[in-house]
Full PDB file with SEQRES, HELIX, SHEET, SSBOND, CRYST1, ORIGX, SCALE, CONECT and MASTER records, all heavy atoms in Angstrom:
SEQRES   1 A   39  ALA PHE LEU GLU ARG LEU ALA VAL GLN GLY VAL LYS VAL          
SEQRES   2 A   39  SER ARG THR ARG MET VAL PRO PRO GLY THR ALA LEU VAL          
SEQRES   3 A   39  GLY ASP PHE THR ALA ALA ALA THR LEU LEU ASP ARG ARG          
HELIX    1 AA1 PHE A    2  VAL A    8  1                                   7    
HELIX    2 AA2 PHE A   29  ALA A   32  1                                   4    
CRYST1    1.000    1.000    1.000  90.00  90.00  90.00 P 1           1          
ORIGX1      1.000000  0.000000  0.000000        0.00000                         
ORIGX2      0.000000  1.000000  0.000000        0.00000                         
ORIGX3      0.000000  0.000000  1.000000        0.00000                         
SCALE1      1.000000  0.000000  0.000000        0.00000                         
SCALE2      0.000000  1.000000  0.000000        0.00000                         
SCALE3      0.000000  0.000000  1.000000        0.00000                         
ATOM      1  N   ALA A   1       7.419   8.499 -11.035  1.00  0.00           N  
ATOM      2  CA  ALA A   1       6.831   7.661 -10.049  1.00  0.00           C  
ATOM      3  C   ALA A   1       6.516   6.288 -10.583  1.00  0.00           C  
ATOM      4  O   ALA A   1       6.491   5.294  -9.858  1.00  0.00           O  
ATOM      5  CB  ALA A   1       5.531   8.323  -9.547  1.00  0.00           C  
ATOM      6  N   PHE A   2       6.282   6.197 -11.885  1.00  0.00           N  
ATOM      7  CA  PHE A   2       5.876   4.865 -12.425  1.00  0.00           C  
ATOM      8  C   PHE A   2       7.066   3.881 -12.318  1.00  0.00           C  
ATOM      9  O   PHE A   2       6.942   2.791 -11.870  1.00  0.00           O  
ATOM     10  CB  PHE A   2       5.510   5.043 -13.895  1.00  0.00           C  
ATOM     11  CG  PHE A   2       5.158   3.754 -14.590  1.00  0.00           C  
ATOM     12  CD1 PHE A   2       4.040   3.059 -14.258  1.00  0.00           C  
ATOM     13  CD2 PHE A   2       6.011   3.195 -15.545  1.00  0.00           C  
ATOM     14  CE1 PHE A   2       3.722   1.865 -14.834  1.00  0.00           C  
ATOM     15  CE2 PHE A   2       5.689   1.961 -16.115  1.00  0.00           C  
ATOM     16  CZ  PHE A   2       4.555   1.285 -15.805  1.00  0.00           C  
ATOM     17  N   LEU A   3       8.272   4.308 -12.711  1.00  0.00           N  
ATOM     18  CA  LEU A   3       9.428   3.456 -12.553  1.00  0.00           C  
ATOM     19  C   LEU A   3       9.744   3.102 -11.128  1.00  0.00           C  
ATOM     20  O   LEU A   3      10.175   1.999 -10.806  1.00  0.00           O  
ATOM     21  CB  LEU A   3      10.633   4.050 -13.291  1.00  0.00           C  
ATOM     22  CG  LEU A   3      10.600   4.108 -14.783  1.00  0.00           C  
ATOM     23  CD1 LEU A   3      11.832   4.753 -15.359  1.00  0.00           C  
ATOM     24  CD2 LEU A   3      10.418   2.718 -15.398  1.00  0.00           C  
ATOM     25  N   GLU A   4       9.497   4.101 -10.321  1.00  0.00           N  
ATOM     26  CA  GLU A   4       9.805   3.877  -8.815  1.00  0.00           C  
ATOM     27  C   GLU A   4       8.774   2.819  -8.275  1.00  0.00           C  
ATOM     28  O   GLU A   4       9.208   1.914  -7.495  1.00  0.00           O  
ATOM     29  CB  GLU A   4       9.589   5.155  -8.137  1.00  0.00           C  
ATOM     30  CG  GLU A   4       9.959   5.050  -6.610  1.00  0.00           C  
ATOM     31  CD  GLU A   4       9.901   6.450  -5.938  1.00  0.00           C  
ATOM     32  OE1 GLU A   4      10.365   7.450  -6.503  1.00  0.00           O  
ATOM     33  OE2 GLU A   4       9.318   6.460  -4.838  1.00  0.00           O  
ATOM     34  N   ARG A   5       7.503   2.860  -8.710  1.00  0.00           N  
ATOM     35  CA  ARG A   5       6.559   1.926  -8.273  1.00  0.00           C  
ATOM     36  C   ARG A   5       6.924   0.506  -8.725  1.00  0.00           C  
ATOM     37  O   ARG A   5       6.838  -0.534  -8.023  1.00  0.00           O  
ATOM     38  CB  ARG A   5       5.141   2.242  -8.750  1.00  0.00           C  
ATOM     39  CG  ARG A   5       4.514   3.409  -7.978  1.00  0.00           C  
ATOM     40  CD  ARG A   5       3.059   3.540  -8.226  1.00  0.00           C  
ATOM     41  NE  ARG A   5       2.595   3.337  -9.615  1.00  0.00           N  
ATOM     42  CZ  ARG A   5       2.420   4.321 -10.485  1.00  0.00           C  
ATOM     43  NH1 ARG A   5       2.554   5.571 -10.206  1.00  0.00           N  
ATOM     44  NH2 ARG A   5       1.917   4.037 -11.680  1.00  0.00           N  
ATOM     45  N   LEU A   6       7.439   0.368  -9.914  1.00  0.00           N  
ATOM     46  CA  LEU A   6       7.883  -0.929 -10.496  1.00  0.00           C  
ATOM     47  C   LEU A   6       9.100  -1.378  -9.691  1.00  0.00           C  
ATOM     48  O   LEU A   6       9.168  -2.577  -9.319  1.00  0.00           O  
ATOM     49  CB  LEU A   6       8.249  -0.828 -11.989  1.00  0.00           C  
ATOM     50  CG  LEU A   6       7.062  -0.703 -12.912  1.00  0.00           C  
ATOM     51  CD1 LEU A   6       7.616  -0.475 -14.329  1.00  0.00           C  
ATOM     52  CD2 LEU A   6       6.110  -1.859 -12.834  1.00  0.00           C  
ATOM     53  N   ALA A   7      10.000  -0.538  -9.417  1.00  0.00           N  
ATOM     54  CA  ALA A   7      11.259  -0.876  -8.679  1.00  0.00           C  
ATOM     55  C   ALA A   7      10.923  -1.434  -7.337  1.00  0.00           C  
ATOM     56  O   ALA A   7      11.522  -2.382  -6.853  1.00  0.00           O  
ATOM     57  CB  ALA A   7      12.204   0.291  -8.557  1.00  0.00           C  
ATOM     58  N   VAL A   8       9.925  -0.888  -6.606  1.00  0.00           N  
ATOM     59  CA  VAL A   8       9.545  -1.368  -5.335  1.00  0.00           C  
ATOM     60  C   VAL A   8       9.005  -2.792  -5.446  1.00  0.00           C  
ATOM     61  O   VAL A   8       9.165  -3.644  -4.498  1.00  0.00           O  
ATOM     62  CB  VAL A   8       8.407  -0.461  -4.738  1.00  0.00           C  
ATOM     63  CG1 VAL A   8       7.713  -1.087  -3.566  1.00  0.00           C  
ATOM     64  CG2 VAL A   8       8.983   0.861  -4.361  1.00  0.00           C  
ATOM     65  N   GLN A   9       8.465  -3.165  -6.542  1.00  0.00           N  
ATOM     66  CA  GLN A   9       8.012  -4.541  -6.801  1.00  0.00           C  
ATOM     67  C   GLN A   9       9.061  -5.460  -7.288  1.00  0.00           C  
ATOM     68  O   GLN A   9       8.833  -6.567  -7.616  1.00  0.00           O  
ATOM     69  CB  GLN A   9       6.793  -4.512  -7.781  1.00  0.00           C  
ATOM     70  CG  GLN A   9       5.582  -3.685  -7.286  1.00  0.00           C  
ATOM     71  CD  GLN A   9       5.059  -4.314  -6.024  1.00  0.00           C  
ATOM     72  OE1 GLN A   9       4.874  -5.488  -5.843  1.00  0.00           O  
ATOM     73  NE2 GLN A   9       4.718  -3.413  -5.075  1.00  0.00           N  
ATOM     74  N   GLY A  10      10.301  -4.971  -7.439  1.00  0.00           N  
ATOM     75  CA  GLY A  10      11.408  -5.748  -7.901  1.00  0.00           C  
ATOM     76  C   GLY A  10      11.524  -5.811  -9.444  1.00  0.00           C  
ATOM     77  O   GLY A  10      12.247  -6.645 -10.006  1.00  0.00           O  
ATOM     78  N   VAL A  11      10.860  -4.903 -10.200  1.00  0.00           N  
ATOM     79  CA  VAL A  11      10.879  -4.847 -11.640  1.00  0.00           C  
ATOM     80  C   VAL A  11      11.784  -3.734 -11.980  1.00  0.00           C  
ATOM     81  O   VAL A  11      11.660  -2.561 -11.665  1.00  0.00           O  
ATOM     82  CB  VAL A  11       9.508  -4.639 -12.227  1.00  0.00           C  
ATOM     83  CG1 VAL A  11       9.554  -4.517 -13.740  1.00  0.00           C  
ATOM     84  CG2 VAL A  11       8.548  -5.800 -11.787  1.00  0.00           C  
ATOM     85  N   LYS A  12      12.834  -4.038 -12.875  1.00  0.00           N  
ATOM     86  CA  LYS A  12      13.716  -3.052 -13.388  1.00  0.00           C  
ATOM     87  C   LYS A  12      13.501  -2.890 -14.857  1.00  0.00           C  
ATOM     88  O   LYS A  12      13.408  -3.859 -15.628  1.00  0.00           O  
ATOM     89  CB  LYS A  12      15.164  -3.524 -13.125  1.00  0.00           C  
ATOM     90  CG  LYS A  12      16.176  -2.503 -13.638  1.00  0.00           C  
ATOM     91  CD  LYS A  12      17.575  -2.951 -13.387  1.00  0.00           C  
ATOM     92  CE  LYS A  12      18.573  -1.911 -13.853  1.00  0.00           C  
ATOM     93  NZ  LYS A  12      19.943  -2.341 -13.546  1.00  0.00           N  
ATOM     94  N   VAL A  13      13.288  -1.656 -15.346  1.00  0.00           N  
ATOM     95  CA  VAL A  13      13.042  -1.393 -16.689  1.00  0.00           C  
ATOM     96  C   VAL A  13      14.308  -0.706 -17.207  1.00  0.00           C  
ATOM     97  O   VAL A  13      14.708   0.385 -16.755  1.00  0.00           O  
ATOM     98  CB  VAL A  13      11.839  -0.437 -16.936  1.00  0.00           C  
ATOM     99  CG1 VAL A  13      11.642  -0.174 -18.417  1.00  0.00           C  
ATOM    100  CG2 VAL A  13      10.596  -1.109 -16.342  1.00  0.00           C  
ATOM    101  N   SER A  14      14.933  -1.366 -18.205  1.00  0.00           N  
ATOM    102  CA  SER A  14      16.151  -0.780 -18.785  1.00  0.00           C  
ATOM    103  C   SER A  14      15.918  -0.359 -20.252  1.00  0.00           C  
ATOM    104  O   SER A  14      15.082  -0.902 -20.960  1.00  0.00           O  
ATOM    105  CB  SER A  14      17.275  -1.835 -18.722  1.00  0.00           C  
ATOM    106  OG  SER A  14      17.543  -2.246 -17.467  1.00  0.00           O  
ATOM    107  N   ARG A  15      16.826   0.527 -20.742  1.00  0.00           N  
ATOM    108  CA  ARG A  15      16.736   0.967 -22.088  1.00  0.00           C  
ATOM    109  C   ARG A  15      17.848   0.419 -22.921  1.00  0.00           C  
ATOM    110  O   ARG A  15      18.963   0.245 -22.422  1.00  0.00           O  
ATOM    111  CB  ARG A  15      16.641   2.487 -22.201  1.00  0.00           C  
ATOM    112  CG  ARG A  15      17.842   3.157 -21.719  1.00  0.00           C  
ATOM    113  CD  ARG A  15      17.634   4.677 -21.644  1.00  0.00           C  
ATOM    114  NE  ARG A  15      18.844   5.370 -21.328  1.00  0.00           N  
ATOM    115  CZ  ARG A  15      19.310   5.614 -20.016  1.00  0.00           C  
ATOM    116  NH1 ARG A  15      18.553   5.031 -19.011  1.00  0.00           N  
ATOM    117  NH2 ARG A  15      20.403   6.233 -19.807  1.00  0.00           N  
ATOM    118  N   THR A  16      17.634   0.075 -24.147  1.00  0.00           N  
ATOM    119  CA  THR A  16      18.679  -0.428 -25.057  1.00  0.00           C  
ATOM    120  C   THR A  16      18.248  -0.203 -26.466  1.00  0.00           C  
ATOM    121  O   THR A  16      17.024  -0.324 -26.790  1.00  0.00           O  
ATOM    122  CB  THR A  16      18.975  -1.938 -24.829  1.00  0.00           C  
ATOM    123  OG1 THR A  16      19.936  -2.396 -25.701  1.00  0.00           O  
ATOM    124  CG2 THR A  16      17.726  -2.824 -25.017  1.00  0.00           C  
ATOM    125  N   ARG A  17      19.109  -0.050 -27.338  1.00  0.00           N  
ATOM    126  CA  ARG A  17      18.826   0.130 -28.759  1.00  0.00           C  
ATOM    127  C   ARG A  17      18.933  -1.244 -29.454  1.00  0.00           C  
ATOM    128  O   ARG A  17      18.815  -1.309 -30.661  1.00  0.00           O  
ATOM    129  CB  ARG A  17      19.756   1.151 -29.396  1.00  0.00           C  
ATOM    130  CG  ARG A  17      19.492   2.531 -29.075  1.00  0.00           C  
ATOM    131  CD  ARG A  17      20.368   3.495 -29.769  1.00  0.00           C  
ATOM    132  NE  ARG A  17      20.008   4.925 -29.793  1.00  0.00           N  
ATOM    133  CZ  ARG A  17      19.539   5.632 -28.824  1.00  0.00           C  
ATOM    134  NH1 ARG A  17      19.311   5.098 -27.648  1.00  0.00           N  
ATOM    135  NH2 ARG A  17      19.247   6.942 -28.922  1.00  0.00           N  
ATOM    136  N   MET A  18      19.058  -2.308 -28.685  1.00  0.00           N  
ATOM    137  CA  MET A  18      19.159  -3.683 -29.292  1.00  0.00           C  
ATOM    138  C   MET A  18      17.805  -4.184 -29.610  1.00  0.00           C  
ATOM    139  O   MET A  18      17.696  -5.308 -30.242  1.00  0.00           O  
ATOM    140  CB  MET A  18      19.901  -4.594 -28.338  1.00  0.00           C  
ATOM    141  CG  MET A  18      21.366  -4.281 -28.237  1.00  0.00           C  
ATOM    142  SD  MET A  18      22.363  -5.450 -27.292  1.00  0.00           S  
ATOM    143  CE  MET A  18      21.983  -5.024 -25.677  1.00  0.00           C  
ATOM    144  N   VAL A  19      16.710  -3.479 -29.242  1.00  0.00           N  
ATOM    145  CA  VAL A  19      15.390  -3.930 -29.710  1.00  0.00           C  
ATOM    146  C   VAL A  19      14.771  -2.761 -30.420  1.00  0.00           C  
ATOM    147  O   VAL A  19      15.122  -1.594 -30.168  1.00  0.00           O  
ATOM    148  CB  VAL A  19      14.484  -4.342 -28.433  1.00  0.00           C  
ATOM    149  CG1 VAL A  19      14.991  -5.500 -27.773  1.00  0.00           C  
ATOM    150  CG2 VAL A  19      14.337  -3.140 -27.490  1.00  0.00           C  
ATOM    151  N   PRO A  20      13.949  -2.983 -31.394  1.00  0.00           N  
ATOM    152  CA  PRO A  20      13.296  -1.917 -32.150  1.00  0.00           C  
ATOM    153  C   PRO A  20      12.272  -1.110 -31.272  1.00  0.00           C  
ATOM    154  O   PRO A  20      11.691  -1.632 -30.340  1.00  0.00           O  
ATOM    155  CB  PRO A  20      12.666  -2.596 -33.317  1.00  0.00           C  
ATOM    156  CG  PRO A  20      12.518  -4.058 -32.944  1.00  0.00           C  
ATOM    157  CD  PRO A  20      13.529  -4.329 -31.885  1.00  0.00           C  
ATOM    158  N   PRO A  21      12.079   0.146 -31.645  1.00  0.00           N  
ATOM    159  CA  PRO A  21      11.035   0.921 -30.986  1.00  0.00           C  
ATOM    160  C   PRO A  21       9.677   0.127 -30.980  1.00  0.00           C  
ATOM    161  O   PRO A  21       9.378  -0.501 -31.971  1.00  0.00           O  
ATOM    162  CB  PRO A  21      11.001   2.211 -31.738  1.00  0.00           C  
ATOM    163  CG  PRO A  21      12.273   2.373 -32.406  1.00  0.00           C  
ATOM    164  CD  PRO A  21      12.725   0.935 -32.697  1.00  0.00           C  
ATOM    165  N   GLY A  22       8.958   0.295 -29.912  1.00  0.00           N  
ATOM    166  CA  GLY A  22       7.631  -0.334 -29.904  1.00  0.00           C  
ATOM    167  C   GLY A  22       7.670  -1.814 -29.416  1.00  0.00           C  
ATOM    168  O   GLY A  22       6.621  -2.397 -29.382  1.00  0.00           O  
ATOM    169  N   THR A  23       8.823  -2.248 -28.965  1.00  0.00           N  
ATOM    170  CA  THR A  23       8.908  -3.591 -28.434  1.00  0.00           C  
ATOM    171  C   THR A  23       9.685  -3.586 -27.100  1.00  0.00           C  
ATOM    172  O   THR A  23      10.362  -2.645 -26.758  1.00  0.00           O  
ATOM    173  CB  THR A  23       9.652  -4.611 -29.411  1.00  0.00           C  
ATOM    174  OG1 THR A  23      10.998  -4.117 -29.617  1.00  0.00           O  
ATOM    175  CG2 THR A  23       8.908  -4.704 -30.735  1.00  0.00           C  
ATOM    176  N   ALA A  24       9.525  -4.682 -26.355  1.00  0.00           N  
ATOM    177  CA  ALA A  24      10.304  -4.802 -25.121  1.00  0.00           C  
ATOM    178  C   ALA A  24      10.682  -6.273 -24.927  1.00  0.00           C  
ATOM    179  O   ALA A  24       9.901  -7.196 -25.335  1.00  0.00           O  
ATOM    180  CB  ALA A  24       9.501  -4.392 -23.929  1.00  0.00           C  
ATOM    181  N   LEU A  25      11.856  -6.541 -24.520  1.00  0.00           N  
ATOM    182  CA  LEU A  25      12.359  -7.890 -24.156  1.00  0.00           C  
ATOM    183  C   LEU A  25      12.064  -8.064 -22.682  1.00  0.00           C  
ATOM    184  O   LEU A  25      12.612  -7.326 -21.807  1.00  0.00           O  
ATOM    185  CB  LEU A  25      13.781  -8.046 -24.506  1.00  0.00           C  
ATOM    186  CG  LEU A  25      14.380  -9.471 -24.297  1.00  0.00           C  
ATOM    187  CD1 LEU A  25      13.657 -10.493 -25.140  1.00  0.00           C  
ATOM    188  CD2 LEU A  25      15.865  -9.476 -24.458  1.00  0.00           C  
ATOM    189  N   VAL A  26      11.209  -9.000 -22.366  1.00  0.00           N  
ATOM    190  CA  VAL A  26      10.763  -9.189 -21.005  1.00  0.00           C  
ATOM    191  C   VAL A  26      11.225 -10.505 -20.499  1.00  0.00           C  
ATOM    192  O   VAL A  26      11.134 -11.545 -21.214  1.00  0.00           O  
ATOM    193  CB  VAL A  26       9.168  -9.121 -20.923  1.00  0.00           C  
ATOM    194  CG1 VAL A  26       8.702  -9.353 -19.497  1.00  0.00           C  
ATOM    195  CG2 VAL A  26       8.579  -7.878 -21.474  1.00  0.00           C  
ATOM    196  N   GLY A  27      11.788 -10.555 -19.320  1.00  0.00           N  
ATOM    197  CA  GLY A  27      12.311 -11.763 -18.755  1.00  0.00           C  
ATOM    198  C   GLY A  27      13.006 -11.664 -17.435  1.00  0.00           C  
ATOM    199  O   GLY A  27      13.149 -10.503 -16.919  1.00  0.00           O  
ATOM    200  N   ASP A  28      13.416 -12.744 -16.938  1.00  0.00           N  
ATOM    201  CA  ASP A  28      14.143 -12.783 -15.684  1.00  0.00           C  
ATOM    202  C   ASP A  28      15.629 -12.842 -15.980  1.00  0.00           C  
ATOM    203  O   ASP A  28      16.232 -13.880 -16.113  1.00  0.00           O  
ATOM    204  CB  ASP A  28      13.756 -14.022 -14.850  1.00  0.00           C  
ATOM    205  CG  ASP A  28      14.368 -14.075 -13.469  1.00  0.00           C  
ATOM    206  OD1 ASP A  28      15.313 -13.285 -13.219  1.00  0.00           O  
ATOM    207  OD2 ASP A  28      13.916 -14.892 -12.626  1.00  0.00           O  
ATOM    208  N   PHE A  29      16.191 -11.630 -16.148  1.00  0.00           N  
ATOM    209  CA  PHE A  29      17.654 -11.552 -16.542  1.00  0.00           C  
ATOM    210  C   PHE A  29      18.558 -12.133 -15.480  1.00  0.00           C  
ATOM    211  O   PHE A  29      19.583 -12.660 -15.751  1.00  0.00           O  
ATOM    212  CB  PHE A  29      17.985 -10.115 -16.846  1.00  0.00           C  
ATOM    213  CG  PHE A  29      17.498  -9.664 -18.214  1.00  0.00           C  
ATOM    214  CD1 PHE A  29      16.218  -9.223 -18.370  1.00  0.00           C  
ATOM    215  CD2 PHE A  29      18.335  -9.731 -19.291  1.00  0.00           C  
ATOM    216  CE1 PHE A  29      15.819  -8.855 -19.651  1.00  0.00           C  
ATOM    217  CE2 PHE A  29      17.895  -9.319 -20.544  1.00  0.00           C  
ATOM    218  CZ  PHE A  29      16.579  -8.948 -20.747  1.00  0.00           C  
ATOM    219  N   THR A  30      18.153 -11.975 -14.154  1.00  0.00           N  
ATOM    220  CA  THR A  30      19.037 -12.408 -13.125  1.00  0.00           C  
ATOM    221  C   THR A  30      19.204 -13.984 -13.204  1.00  0.00           C  
ATOM    222  O   THR A  30      20.254 -14.452 -12.986  1.00  0.00           O  
ATOM    223  CB  THR A  30      18.395 -11.995 -11.732  1.00  0.00           C  
ATOM    224  OG1 THR A  30      18.273 -10.633 -11.720  1.00  0.00           O  
ATOM    225  CG2 THR A  30      19.305 -12.510 -10.553  1.00  0.00           C  
ATOM    226  N   ALA A  31      18.169 -14.669 -13.535  1.00  0.00           N  
ATOM    227  CA  ALA A  31      18.220 -16.131 -13.558  1.00  0.00           C  
ATOM    228  C   ALA A  31      18.636 -16.637 -14.921  1.00  0.00           C  
ATOM    229  O   ALA A  31      19.272 -17.693 -14.935  1.00  0.00           O  
ATOM    230  CB  ALA A  31      16.864 -16.771 -13.205  1.00  0.00           C  
ATOM    231  N   ALA A  32      18.367 -15.952 -15.942  1.00  0.00           N  
ATOM    232  CA  ALA A  32      18.493 -16.522 -17.302  1.00  0.00           C  
ATOM    233  C   ALA A  32      19.704 -15.993 -18.134  1.00  0.00           C  
ATOM    234  O   ALA A  32      19.928 -16.482 -19.209  1.00  0.00           O  
ATOM    235  CB  ALA A  32      17.198 -16.342 -18.044  1.00  0.00           C  
ATOM    236  N   ALA A  33      20.370 -14.886 -17.665  1.00  0.00           N  
ATOM    237  CA  ALA A  33      21.400 -14.316 -18.534  1.00  0.00           C  
ATOM    238  C   ALA A  33      22.466 -13.712 -17.606  1.00  0.00           C  
ATOM    239  O   ALA A  33      22.229 -13.361 -16.470  1.00  0.00           O  
ATOM    240  CB  ALA A  33      20.756 -13.249 -19.401  1.00  0.00           C  
ATOM    241  N   THR A  34      23.642 -13.550 -18.215  1.00  0.00           N  
ATOM    242  CA  THR A  34      24.760 -12.868 -17.519  1.00  0.00           C  
ATOM    243  C   THR A  34      25.290 -11.865 -18.494  1.00  0.00           C  
ATOM    244  O   THR A  34      25.576 -12.096 -19.634  1.00  0.00           O  
ATOM    245  CB  THR A  34      25.880 -13.922 -17.204  1.00  0.00           C  
ATOM    246  OG1 THR A  34      25.278 -14.932 -16.419  1.00  0.00           O  
ATOM    247  CG2 THR A  34      27.017 -13.248 -16.444  1.00  0.00           C  
ATOM    248  N   LEU A  35      25.459 -10.635 -17.920  1.00  0.00           N  
ATOM    249  CA  LEU A  35      26.147  -9.520 -18.680  1.00  0.00           C  
ATOM    250  C   LEU A  35      27.605  -9.676 -18.586  1.00  0.00           C  
ATOM    251  O   LEU A  35      28.176  -9.812 -17.482  1.00  0.00           O  
ATOM    252  CB  LEU A  35      25.722  -8.160 -18.107  1.00  0.00           C  
ATOM    253  CG  LEU A  35      26.311  -6.956 -18.838  1.00  0.00           C  
ATOM    254  CD1 LEU A  35      25.801  -6.878 -20.273  1.00  0.00           C  
ATOM    255  CD2 LEU A  35      25.923  -5.662 -18.091  1.00  0.00           C  
ATOM    256  N   LEU A  36      28.312  -9.776 -19.741  1.00  0.00           N  
ATOM    257  CA  LEU A  36      29.690  -9.934 -19.810  1.00  0.00           C  
ATOM    258  C   LEU A  36      30.329  -8.612 -20.095  1.00  0.00           C  
ATOM    259  O   LEU A  36      30.446  -8.175 -21.186  1.00  0.00           O  
ATOM    260  CB  LEU A  36      30.136 -10.957 -20.876  1.00  0.00           C  
ATOM    261  CG  LEU A  36      29.365 -12.319 -20.786  1.00  0.00           C  
ATOM    262  CD1 LEU A  36      29.614 -13.068 -22.025  1.00  0.00           C  
ATOM    263  CD2 LEU A  36      29.827 -13.019 -19.546  1.00  0.00           C  
ATOM    264  N   ASP A  37      30.700  -7.871 -19.040  1.00  0.00           N  
ATOM    265  CA  ASP A  37      31.290  -6.539 -19.177  1.00  0.00           C  
ATOM    266  C   ASP A  37      32.825  -6.645 -19.104  1.00  0.00           C  
ATOM    267  O   ASP A  37      33.421  -7.034 -18.142  1.00  0.00           O  
ATOM    268  CB  ASP A  37      30.774  -5.698 -17.995  1.00  0.00           C  
ATOM    269  CG  ASP A  37      31.235  -4.207 -18.081  1.00  0.00           C  
ATOM    270  OD1 ASP A  37      32.008  -3.908 -19.020  1.00  0.00           O  
ATOM    271  OD2 ASP A  37      30.808  -3.463 -17.257  1.00  0.00           O  
ATOM    272  N   ARG A  38      33.445  -6.267 -20.227  1.00  0.00           N  
ATOM    273  CA  ARG A  38      34.932  -6.380 -20.272  1.00  0.00           C  
ATOM    274  C   ARG A  38      35.539  -5.271 -19.498  1.00  0.00           C  
ATOM    275  O   ARG A  38      36.789  -5.239 -19.326  1.00  0.00           O  
ATOM    276  CB  ARG A  38      35.366  -6.310 -21.721  1.00  0.00           C  
ATOM    277  CG  ARG A  38      34.946  -7.550 -22.464  1.00  0.00           C  
ATOM    278  CD  ARG A  38      35.470  -7.568 -23.902  1.00  0.00           C  
ATOM    279  NE  ARG A  38      36.916  -7.406 -23.953  1.00  0.00           N  
ATOM    280  CZ  ARG A  38      37.612  -7.303 -25.023  1.00  0.00           C  
ATOM    281  NH1 ARG A  38      37.042  -7.332 -26.209  1.00  0.00           N  
ATOM    282  NH2 ARG A  38      38.933  -7.123 -24.944  1.00  0.00           N  
ATOM    283  N   ARG A  39      34.717  -4.316 -18.996  1.00  0.00           N  
ATOM    284  CA  ARG A  39      35.260  -3.171 -18.232  1.00  0.00           C  
ATOM    285  C   ARG A  39      36.337  -2.409 -18.992  1.00  0.00           C  
ATOM    286  O   ARG A  39      37.344  -2.015 -18.400  1.00  0.00           O  
ATOM    287  CB  ARG A  39      35.770  -3.626 -16.865  1.00  0.00           C  
ATOM    288  CG  ARG A  39      34.677  -4.210 -15.997  1.00  0.00           C  
ATOM    289  CD  ARG A  39      35.218  -4.463 -14.582  1.00  0.00           C  
ATOM    290  NE  ARG A  39      34.231  -5.146 -13.785  1.00  0.00           N  
ATOM    291  CZ  ARG A  39      33.294  -4.542 -13.077  1.00  0.00           C  
ATOM    292  NH1 ARG A  39      33.199  -3.276 -13.087  1.00  0.00           N  
ATOM    293  NH2 ARG A  39      32.393  -5.234 -12.403  1.00  0.00           N  
TER     294      ARG A  39                                                      
MASTER        0    0    0    2    0    0    0    6  293    1    0    3          
END                                                                             
């Protein structure tokens, strides 16, 4: 329910091993970054 409540507010929480445990990279990924997926 917690992630669902955030999603309703437009907040997406993603997981990645690119940050160490106990930290989170917070930001507006839609405006500030582009994922380059080579597919």
